[in-house]
Structure formats: structure tokens, C-alpha cells
Amino acid sequence: MPEIHDPREAARRRAVPSPPLPATDEIKEAVRAFIVERGAAALYTIDKAGFPTGRVMGVSLRDDWSVEVVQARQTGRVAQVRRNPHVAVVWTEGTQGRNVYLKGLASLVEGDDLVSMYRRRIEANRARGGSMPALSDDDVRELLVGMVVKPVSVRTEHFGEGIGIYEWRFPPFT
């Protein structure tokens, strides 16, 4: 292909989206390492008016690509997930860096499962040098709620060669 010297033509060609490539195991492991290294992501829920709304928060990635979140019980996100479980979790390095977009369905977690999730979150936070407070099991049950986001799909940018757009889906959405 000849070199493009007209900046308008170059911009037009860049604007044409490339279809995502199927992710190899190597790409998936690079994506997992990127996510785990961050420890925080933007979680987007849908508000009453039907618009996405997000907040950066601490998250943990499970082996099956589900995402765990522990948060205060009295947040708008809890009501939003009860109304509409469709969410997105986004990890980013900025406009020219690597980015990961996970679409999924969220469910709320309480009781002993919440306490276990909270304890895992504290361990992960402290392993990164954080100082997340250690609440009693009763306080965790009273003050917090957990959320598990089951993935529908993961899409990446800037992993592997070139733009590095990869995507994979999870059953039953494959």
C-alpha cells in the first residue's frame, strides 16, 4: 500500500475500525497480568434515566474472569444493579496505552460469601501496599455489599502487535 501523505486521508483510514482478533492464551495472560497489576477499574452501571455512570474502585479478578467488587451498602450502584444488571468494567492506561473493556451481568453478594470476598479484597489491597481497614464480620455484613460481574465479553486495545484489538466471549454468549 502506498504511503499516505494527506493527513485527512490518514485520519480517515485510522477511523475505519478493525474487526477484533480472537485472543490467544498468550494475549489472555497478558491481559490478566495487566488487570491484576492495576487493582482498580472504572465500574459503569446504568442510572434511572438509562445513562451509563461510572466510578473508579478497587476490584479483583477471579480465575473465570468474573470481577469482584466490595462497596458501601448505601450507594447508587447497588440500586442501579438491582434495576439493571448490565455493567461494564474498564481498565485503562489512557488514549494511547493498553485498555481492557469487560461487559457483564452483575449480581449482589451478601452474608458469608460477602465476608469471604471482603477478606480476599483486604489481602489483595495489602499485598499492593494498601491500608484498607479490617472490619469485623458483623460490620462487613451490616455496612457493605459485594458484587460479582460475570463476563459476557472482554475486548482489548494495544495488546500484541499494532493496535492489538482482541475480543473473546463467554458462554452462553459465545
C-alpha atoms as a PDB file:
ATOM      1  CA  MET A   1       0.000   0.000   0.000  1.00  0.00           C
ATOM      2  CA  PRO A   2       1.435   3.435  -0.909  1.00  0.00           C
ATOM      3  CA  GLU A   3       2.452   5.783   1.871  1.00  0.00           C
ATOM      4  CA  ILE A   4      -0.224   8.329   2.803  1.00  0.00           C
ATOM      5  CA  HIS A   5       0.874  11.975   2.912  1.00  0.00           C
ATOM      6  CA  ASP A   6      -2.510  13.690   3.193  1.00  0.00           C
ATOM      7  CA  PRO A   7      -3.301  13.951   6.955  1.00  0.00           C
ATOM      8  CA  ARG A   8      -7.054  13.875   6.250  1.00  0.00           C
ATOM      9  CA  GLU A   9      -6.691  10.584   4.378  1.00  0.00           C
ATOM     10  CA  ALA A  10      -4.507   9.151   7.146  1.00  0.00           C
ATOM     11  CA  ALA A  11      -7.130  10.120   9.762  1.00  0.00           C
ATOM     12  CA  ARG A  12      -9.911   8.604   7.643  1.00  0.00           C
ATOM     13  CA  ARG A  13      -8.065   5.280   7.366  1.00  0.00           C
ATOM     14  CA  ARG A  14      -7.349   5.192  11.100  1.00  0.00           C
ATOM     15  CA  ALA A  15     -11.047   5.811  11.797  1.00  0.00           C
ATOM     16  CA  VAL A  16     -12.062   2.626   9.996  1.00  0.00           C
ATOM     17  CA  PRO A  17     -12.495   0.095  12.794  1.00  0.00           C
ATOM     18  CA  SER A  18     -10.638  -3.172  12.548  1.00  0.00           C
ATOM     19  CA  PRO A  19     -12.555  -6.280  13.473  1.00  0.00           C
ATOM     20  CA  PRO A  20     -11.217  -7.749  16.701  1.00  0.00           C
ATOM     21  CA  LEU A  21      -8.955 -10.771  16.501  1.00  0.00           C
ATOM     22  CA  PRO A  22      -9.593 -13.931  18.512  1.00  0.00           C
ATOM     23  CA  ALA A  23      -7.478 -13.804  21.665  1.00  0.00           C
ATOM     24  CA  THR A  24      -4.748 -16.390  22.111  1.00  0.00           C
ATOM     25  CA  ASP A  25      -3.832 -17.814  25.528  1.00  0.00           C
ATOM     26  CA  GLU A  26      -0.734 -15.577  25.461  1.00  0.00           C
ATOM     27  CA  ILE A  27      -2.863 -12.454  24.923  1.00  0.00           C
ATOM     28  CA  LYS A  28      -5.309 -13.501  27.655  1.00  0.00           C
ATOM     29  CA  GLU A  29      -2.451 -13.969  30.123  1.00  0.00           C
ATOM     30  CA  ALA A  30      -1.019 -10.541  29.219  1.00  0.00           C
ATOM     31  CA  VAL A  31      -4.465  -9.025  29.758  1.00  0.00           C
ATOM     32  CA  ARG A  32      -4.868 -10.819  33.104  1.00  0.00           C
ATOM     33  CA  ALA A  33      -1.464  -9.550  34.293  1.00  0.00           C
ATOM     34  CA  PHE A  34      -2.391  -6.006  33.224  1.00  0.00           C
ATOM     35  CA  ILE A  35      -5.679  -6.175  35.195  1.00  0.00           C
ATOM     36  CA  VAL A  36      -4.156  -7.706  38.327  1.00  0.00           C
ATOM     37  CA  GLU A  37      -1.349  -5.127  38.330  1.00  0.00           C
ATOM     38  CA  ARG A  38      -3.866  -2.288  38.415  1.00  0.00           C
ATOM     39  CA  GLY A  39      -6.145  -3.427  41.253  1.00  0.00           C
ATOM     40  CA  ALA A  40      -8.667  -0.704  40.337  1.00  0.00           C
ATOM     41  CA  ALA A  41     -11.004  -0.156  37.415  1.00  0.00           C
ATOM     42  CA  ALA A  42     -13.899   2.035  36.362  1.00  0.00           C
ATOM     43  CA  LEU A  43     -17.216   0.274  37.003  1.00  0.00           C
ATOM     44  CA  TYR A  44     -20.086   1.540  34.853  1.00  0.00           C
ATOM     45  CA  THR A  45     -23.719   0.931  35.766  1.00  0.00           C
ATOM     46  CA  ILE A  46     -26.932   2.313  34.252  1.00  0.00           C
ATOM     47  CA  ASP A  47     -28.725   5.100  36.140  1.00  0.00           C
ATOM     48  CA  LYS A  48     -32.508   5.710  36.439  1.00  0.00           C
ATOM     49  CA  ALA A  49     -32.526   7.786  33.262  1.00  0.00           C
ATOM     50  CA  GLY A  50     -30.817   4.976  31.304  1.00  0.00           C
ATOM     51  CA  PHE A  51     -27.382   6.609  31.073  1.00  0.00           C
ATOM     52  CA  PRO A  52     -24.065   4.975  31.960  1.00  0.00           C
ATOM     53  CA  THR A  53     -22.460   6.266  35.126  1.00  0.00           C
ATOM     54  CA  GLY A  54     -19.074   5.187  36.430  1.00  0.00           C
ATOM     55  CA  ARG A  55     -16.690   5.298  39.313  1.00  0.00           C
ATOM     56  CA  VAL A  56     -13.144   4.044  39.773  1.00  0.00           C
ATOM     57  CA  MET A  57     -12.952   1.450  42.526  1.00  0.00           C
ATOM     58  CA  GLY A  58     -10.908  -1.458  43.776  1.00  0.00           C
ATOM     59  CA  VAL A  59     -11.730  -4.701  42.000  1.00  0.00           C
ATOM     60  CA  SER A  60     -10.429  -8.262  41.957  1.00  0.00           C
ATOM     61  CA  LEU A  61     -10.333 -10.645  39.014  1.00  0.00           C
ATOM     62  CA  ARG A  62     -11.321 -14.295  39.534  1.00  0.00           C
ATOM     63  CA  ASP A  63      -9.844 -17.209  37.567  1.00  0.00           C
ATOM     64  CA  ASP A  64     -13.013 -17.413  35.431  1.00  0.00           C
ATOM     65  CA  TRP A  65     -12.702 -13.679  34.501  1.00  0.00           C
ATOM     66  CA  SER A  66     -15.512 -12.667  36.868  1.00  0.00           C
ATOM     67  CA  VAL A  67     -14.867  -9.409  38.688  1.00  0.00           C
ATOM     68  CA  GLU A  68     -15.433  -8.922  42.431  1.00  0.00           C
ATOM     69  CA  VAL A  69     -16.274  -5.538  43.962  1.00  0.00           C
ATOM     70  CA  VAL A  70     -16.866  -4.729  47.631  1.00  0.00           C
ATOM     71  CA  GLN A  71     -18.549  -1.400  48.362  1.00  0.00           C
ATOM     72  CA  ALA A  72     -20.666   0.513  50.847  1.00  0.00           C
ATOM     73  CA  ARG A  73     -24.199  -0.840  51.071  1.00  0.00           C
ATOM     74  CA  GLN A  74     -25.782   2.608  50.628  1.00  0.00           C
ATOM     75  CA  THR A  75     -24.576   3.549  47.141  1.00  0.00           C
ATOM     76  CA  GLY A  76     -26.400   4.357  43.948  1.00  0.00           C
ATOM     77  CA  ARG A  77     -24.611   1.457  42.245  1.00  0.00           C
ATOM     78  CA  VAL A  78     -26.446  -1.080  44.392  1.00  0.00           C
ATOM     79  CA  ALA A  79     -29.857   0.314  43.376  1.00  0.00           C
ATOM     80  CA  GLN A  80     -28.702   0.587  39.759  1.00  0.00           C
ATOM     81  CA  VAL A  81     -27.599  -3.068  39.628  1.00  0.00           C
ATOM     82  CA  ARG A  82     -30.891  -4.155  41.178  1.00  0.00           C
ATOM     83  CA  ARG A  83     -32.730  -2.298  38.383  1.00  0.00           C
ATOM     84  CA  ASN A  84     -30.388  -3.255  35.548  1.00  0.00           C
ATOM     85  CA  PRO A  85     -27.558  -5.808  35.975  1.00  0.00           C
ATOM     86  CA  HIS A  86     -25.789  -4.852  32.702  1.00  0.00           C
ATOM     87  CA  VAL A  87     -22.426  -3.303  33.607  1.00  0.00           C
ATOM     88  CA  ALA A  88     -19.013  -2.586  32.147  1.00  0.00           C
ATOM     89  CA  VAL A  89     -15.634  -2.707  33.884  1.00  0.00           C
ATOM     90  CA  VAL A  90     -12.801  -0.738  32.257  1.00  0.00           C
ATOM     91  CA  TRP A  91      -9.056  -0.796  32.929  1.00  0.00           C
ATOM     92  CA  THR A  92      -7.005   1.786  31.035  1.00  0.00           C
ATOM     93  CA  GLU A  93      -3.587   3.301  30.516  1.00  0.00           C
ATOM     94  CA  GLY A  94      -5.042   6.257  28.602  1.00  0.00           C
ATOM     95  CA  THR A  95      -5.734   7.032  24.971  1.00  0.00           C
ATOM     96  CA  GLN A  96      -2.506   5.554  23.591  1.00  0.00           C
ATOM     97  CA  GLY A  97      -1.995   2.836  26.188  1.00  0.00           C
ATOM     98  CA  ARG A  98      -3.442  -0.599  26.741  1.00  0.00           C
ATOM     99  CA  ASN A  99      -7.151  -0.799  27.552  1.00  0.00           C
ATOM    100  CA  VAL A 100      -9.480  -3.612  28.608  1.00  0.00           C
ATOM    101  CA  TYR A 101     -13.283  -3.495  28.460  1.00  0.00           C
ATOM    102  CA  LEU A 102     -15.276  -6.226  30.193  1.00  0.00           C
ATOM    103  CA  LYS A 103     -19.043  -6.326  29.647  1.00  0.00           C
ATOM    104  CA  GLY A 104     -21.035  -8.416  32.063  1.00  0.00           C
ATOM    105  CA  LEU A 105     -24.007  -9.108  34.265  1.00  0.00           C
ATOM    106  CA  ALA A 106     -23.725  -8.121  37.911  1.00  0.00           C
ATOM    107  CA  SER A 107     -25.244  -9.805  40.936  1.00  0.00           C
ATOM    108  CA  LEU A 108     -25.121  -8.690  44.559  1.00  0.00           C
ATOM    109  CA  VAL A 109     -23.456 -10.780  47.275  1.00  0.00           C
ATOM    110  CA  GLU A 110     -24.242 -10.784  50.994  1.00  0.00           C
ATOM    111  CA  GLY A 111     -23.721 -12.958  54.093  1.00  0.00           C
ATOM    112  CA  ASP A 112     -20.770 -15.341  54.428  1.00  0.00           C
ATOM    113  CA  ASP A 113     -19.901 -15.044  50.724  1.00  0.00           C
ATOM    114  CA  LEU A 114     -19.560 -11.271  51.185  1.00  0.00           C
ATOM    115  CA  VAL A 115     -17.291 -11.742  54.220  1.00  0.00           C
ATOM    116  CA  SER A 116     -15.042 -14.106  52.224  1.00  0.00           C
ATOM    117  CA  MET A 117     -14.973 -11.663  49.310  1.00  0.00           C
ATOM    118  CA  TYR A 118     -14.067  -8.794  51.675  1.00  0.00           C
ATOM    119  CA  ARG A 119     -11.219 -10.796  53.245  1.00  0.00           C
ATOM    120  CA  ARG A 120      -9.791 -11.595  49.765  1.00  0.00           C
ATOM    121  CA  ARG A 121     -10.051  -7.894  48.856  1.00  0.00           C
ATOM    122  CA  ILE A 122      -8.134  -6.874  52.009  1.00  0.00           C
ATOM    123  CA  GLU A 123      -5.376  -9.405  51.254  1.00  0.00           C
ATOM    124  CA  ALA A 124      -5.036  -8.122  47.675  1.00  0.00           C
ATOM    125  CA  ASN A 125      -5.016  -4.499  48.853  1.00  0.00           C
ATOM    126  CA  ARG A 126      -2.336  -5.114  51.454  1.00  0.00           C
ATOM    127  CA  ALA A 127      -0.232  -7.149  49.006  1.00  0.00           C
ATOM    128  CA  ARG A 128      -0.079  -3.941  46.907  1.00  0.00           C
ATOM    129  CA  GLY A 129       0.959  -1.887  49.966  1.00  0.00           C
ATOM    130  CA  GLY A 130      -2.536  -0.534  50.707  1.00  0.00           C
ATOM    131  CA  SER A 131      -4.078   0.002  54.117  1.00  0.00           C
ATOM    132  CA  MET A 132      -7.721  -0.985  53.671  1.00  0.00           C
ATOM    133  CA  PRO A 133      -9.356  -1.133  57.135  1.00  0.00           C
ATOM    134  CA  ALA A 134     -10.169  -4.534  58.609  1.00  0.00           C
ATOM    135  CA  LEU A 135     -13.807  -4.605  59.675  1.00  0.00           C
ATOM    136  CA  SER A 136     -15.388  -7.283  61.843  1.00  0.00           C
ATOM    137  CA  ASP A 137     -17.533  -9.885  60.080  1.00  0.00           C
ATOM    138  CA  ASP A 138     -20.660  -8.292  61.595  1.00  0.00           C
ATOM    139  CA  ASP A 139     -19.647  -4.828  60.332  1.00  0.00           C
ATOM    140  CA  VAL A 140     -18.962  -6.232  56.865  1.00  0.00           C
ATOM    141  CA  ARG A 141     -22.460  -7.760  56.763  1.00  0.00           C
ATOM    142  CA  GLU A 142     -24.072  -4.540  58.010  1.00  0.00           C
ATOM    143  CA  LEU A 143     -22.127  -1.878  56.111  1.00  0.00           C
ATOM    144  CA  LEU A 144     -21.011  -3.480  52.859  1.00  0.00           C
ATOM    145  CA  VAL A 145     -22.331  -5.368  49.868  1.00  0.00           C
ATOM    146  CA  GLY A 146     -20.421  -7.368  47.298  1.00  0.00           C
ATOM    147  CA  MET A 147     -20.908  -7.522  43.576  1.00  0.00           C
ATOM    148  CA  VAL A 148     -19.804 -10.203  41.143  1.00  0.00           C
ATOM    149  CA  VAL A 149     -19.717  -9.310  37.468  1.00  0.00           C
ATOM    150  CA  LYS A 150     -19.996 -12.434  35.293  1.00  0.00           C
ATOM    151  CA  PRO A 151     -18.336 -11.636  31.967  1.00  0.00           C
ATOM    152  CA  VAL A 152     -20.191 -11.613  28.673  1.00  0.00           C
ATOM    153  CA  SER A 153     -17.177 -10.424  26.656  1.00  0.00           C
ATOM    154  CA  VAL A 154     -13.711  -8.937  27.001  1.00  0.00           C
ATOM    155  CA  ARG A 155     -12.269  -6.564  24.407  1.00  0.00           C
ATOM    156  CA  THR A 156      -8.728  -5.194  24.449  1.00  0.00           C
ATOM    157  CA  GLU A 157      -6.725  -2.494  22.707  1.00  0.00           C
ATOM    158  CA  HIS A 158      -2.955  -2.226  22.261  1.00  0.00           C
ATOM    159  CA  PHE A 159      -2.045  -5.764  23.276  1.00  0.00           C
ATOM    160  CA  GLY A 160       0.158  -7.752  20.926  1.00  0.00           C
ATOM    161  CA  GLU A 161       1.056  -6.313  17.522  1.00  0.00           C
ATOM    162  CA  GLY A 162      -0.155  -2.953  16.208  1.00  0.00           C
ATOM    163  CA  ILE A 163      -3.445  -1.733  17.584  1.00  0.00           C
ATOM    164  CA  GLY A 164      -3.884  -5.185  19.121  1.00  0.00           C
ATOM    165  CA  ILE A 165      -7.673  -5.367  19.273  1.00  0.00           C
ATOM    166  CA  TYR A 166      -8.727  -8.746  20.616  1.00  0.00           C
ATOM    167  CA  GLU A 167     -12.076  -9.980  21.842  1.00  0.00           C
ATOM    168  CA  TRP A 168     -13.437 -13.108  23.427  1.00  0.00           C
ATOM    169  CA  ARG A 169     -16.865 -14.095  24.695  1.00  0.00           C
ATOM    170  CA  PHE A 170     -18.112 -16.334  27.465  1.00  0.00           C
ATOM    171  CA  PRO A 171     -20.883 -18.952  27.440  1.00  0.00           C
ATOM    172  CA  PRO A 172     -23.780 -18.638  26.850  1.00  0.00           C
ATOM    173  CA  PHE A 173     -22.841 -15.535  24.823  1.00  0.00           C
ATOM    174  CA  THR A 174     -20.229 -17.174  22.559  1.00  0.00           C
END
